[in-house]
Amino acid sequence: MNFKLFTKDQFMVWFTGFIVLAFFIAGVLDVLDYMIVKLILFSCFSFIVANIYYVLFNEENKKSPEKDSE
């Protein structure tokens, strides 16, 4: 049996929710002016964008019409 805690989709949904919550908390506590907070939040956001780019343009996930006709 293969037990996984999260699938890729569930992980990205939880991670995106974490980033939204982190932005909200950082805004409420007025710590968005600190460079380290900006760096952490921007790097997490960049990870999400890179993952979306990887999922959309990954050749492995694309179905080609040639494979469907065989």
C-alpha atoms as a PDB file:
ATOM      1  CA  MET A   1       0.000   0.000   0.000  1.00  0.00           C
ATOM      2  CA  ASN A   2       1.126   3.480  -0.805  1.00  0.00           C
ATOM      3  CA  PHE A   3       0.227   5.927   1.935  1.00  0.00           C
ATOM      4  CA  LYS A   4       0.785   9.573   1.116  1.00  0.00           C
ATOM      5  CA  LEU A   5      -0.032  12.428   3.409  1.00  0.00           C
ATOM      6  CA  PHE A   6      -0.854  14.869   0.602  1.00  0.00           C
ATOM      7  CA  THR A   7      -1.148  14.697  -3.143  1.00  0.00           C
ATOM      8  CA  LYS A   8       0.461  17.448  -5.217  1.00  0.00           C
ATOM      9  CA  ASP A   9      -2.863  19.224  -5.614  1.00  0.00           C
ATOM     10  CA  GLN A  10      -3.685  19.107  -1.921  1.00  0.00           C
ATOM     11  CA  PHE A  11      -0.203  20.321  -1.042  1.00  0.00           C
ATOM     12  CA  MET A  12      -0.492  23.337  -3.329  1.00  0.00           C
ATOM     13  CA  VAL A  13      -3.938  24.234  -1.990  1.00  0.00           C
ATOM     14  CA  TRP A  14      -2.660  24.088   1.606  1.00  0.00           C
ATOM     15  CA  PHE A  15       0.520  25.978   0.686  1.00  0.00           C
ATOM     16  CA  THR A  16      -1.443  28.715  -1.086  1.00  0.00           C
ATOM     17  CA  GLY A  17      -3.743  29.028   1.920  1.00  0.00           C
ATOM     18  CA  PHE A  18      -0.702  29.303   4.164  1.00  0.00           C
ATOM     19  CA  ILE A  19       0.718  32.127   2.031  1.00  0.00           C
ATOM     20  CA  VAL A  20      -2.591  34.020   2.083  1.00  0.00           C
ATOM     21  CA  LEU A  21      -2.781  33.611   5.848  1.00  0.00           C
ATOM     22  CA  ALA A  22       0.855  34.704   6.230  1.00  0.00           C
ATOM     23  CA  PHE A  23       0.235  37.869   4.175  1.00  0.00           C
ATOM     24  CA  PHE A  24      -2.845  38.632   6.273  1.00  0.00           C
ATOM     25  CA  ILE A  25      -1.067  38.111   9.594  1.00  0.00           C
ATOM     26  CA  ALA A  26       2.001  40.054   8.457  1.00  0.00           C
ATOM     27  CA  GLY A  27      -0.231  42.918   7.358  1.00  0.00           C
ATOM     28  CA  VAL A  28      -2.168  42.979  10.624  1.00  0.00           C
ATOM     29  CA  LEU A  29       1.011  42.931  12.701  1.00  0.00           C
ATOM     30  CA  ASP A  30       2.690  45.596  10.506  1.00  0.00           C
ATOM     31  CA  VAL A  31       5.736  43.452   9.818  1.00  0.00           C
ATOM     32  CA  LEU A  32       5.516  43.685   6.017  1.00  0.00           C
ATOM     33  CA  ASP A  33       8.074  46.502   6.166  1.00  0.00           C
ATOM     34  CA  TYR A  34      10.815  44.094   7.259  1.00  0.00           C
ATOM     35  CA  MET A  35      12.992  42.799   4.451  1.00  0.00           C
ATOM     36  CA  ILE A  36      13.193  39.217   5.761  1.00  0.00           C
ATOM     37  CA  VAL A  37       9.372  38.937   5.836  1.00  0.00           C
ATOM     38  CA  LYS A  38       9.173  40.266   2.284  1.00  0.00           C
ATOM     39  CA  LEU A  39      11.850  37.800   1.197  1.00  0.00           C
ATOM     40  CA  ILE A  40      10.119  34.798   2.770  1.00  0.00           C
ATOM     41  CA  LEU A  41       6.683  35.667   1.406  1.00  0.00           C
ATOM     42  CA  PHE A  42       8.018  36.509  -2.061  1.00  0.00           C
ATOM     43  CA  SER A  43      10.000  33.265  -2.248  1.00  0.00           C
ATOM     44  CA  CYS A  44       6.898  31.266  -1.283  1.00  0.00           C
ATOM     45  CA  PHE A  45       4.877  33.117  -3.909  1.00  0.00           C
ATOM     46  CA  SER A  46       7.615  32.433  -6.485  1.00  0.00           C
ATOM     47  CA  PHE A  47       7.452  28.736  -5.606  1.00  0.00           C
ATOM     48  CA  ILE A  48       3.718  28.717  -6.327  1.00  0.00           C
ATOM     49  CA  VAL A  49       4.208  30.470  -9.671  1.00  0.00           C
ATOM     50  CA  ALA A  50       7.027  28.083 -10.632  1.00  0.00           C
ATOM     51  CA  ASN A  51       4.879  25.083  -9.730  1.00  0.00           C
ATOM     52  CA  ILE A  52       1.979  26.380 -11.842  1.00  0.00           C
ATOM     53  CA  TYR A  53       4.362  26.923 -14.746  1.00  0.00           C
ATOM     54  CA  TYR A  54       5.765  23.399 -14.307  1.00  0.00           C
ATOM     55  CA  VAL A  55       2.317  21.792 -14.225  1.00  0.00           C
ATOM     56  CA  LEU A  56       1.043  23.702 -17.252  1.00  0.00           C
ATOM     57  CA  PHE A  57       4.064  23.208 -19.485  1.00  0.00           C
ATOM     58  CA  ASN A  58       5.312  19.792 -18.409  1.00  0.00           C
ATOM     59  CA  GLU A  59       5.507  17.503 -21.428  1.00  0.00           C
ATOM     60  CA  GLU A  60       4.798  14.474 -19.272  1.00  0.00           C
ATOM     61  CA  ASN A  61       1.296  15.667 -18.382  1.00  0.00           C
ATOM     62  CA  LYS A  62       0.216  16.594 -21.903  1.00  0.00           C
ATOM     63  CA  LYS A  63      -1.809  14.138 -23.907  1.00  0.00           C
ATOM     64  CA  SER A  64      -0.903  13.990 -27.539  1.00  0.00           C
ATOM     65  CA  PRO A  65      -3.483  13.090 -30.196  1.00  0.00           C
ATOM     66  CA  GLU A  66      -1.103  10.475 -31.605  1.00  0.00           C
ATOM     67  CA  LYS A  67      -1.154   8.460 -28.367  1.00  0.00           C
ATOM     68  CA  ASP A  68      -4.941   8.569 -28.163  1.00  0.00           C
ATOM     69  CA  SER A  69      -5.417   7.191 -31.688  1.00  0.00           C
ATOM     70  CA  GLU A  70      -3.170   4.147 -31.128  1.00  0.00           C
END
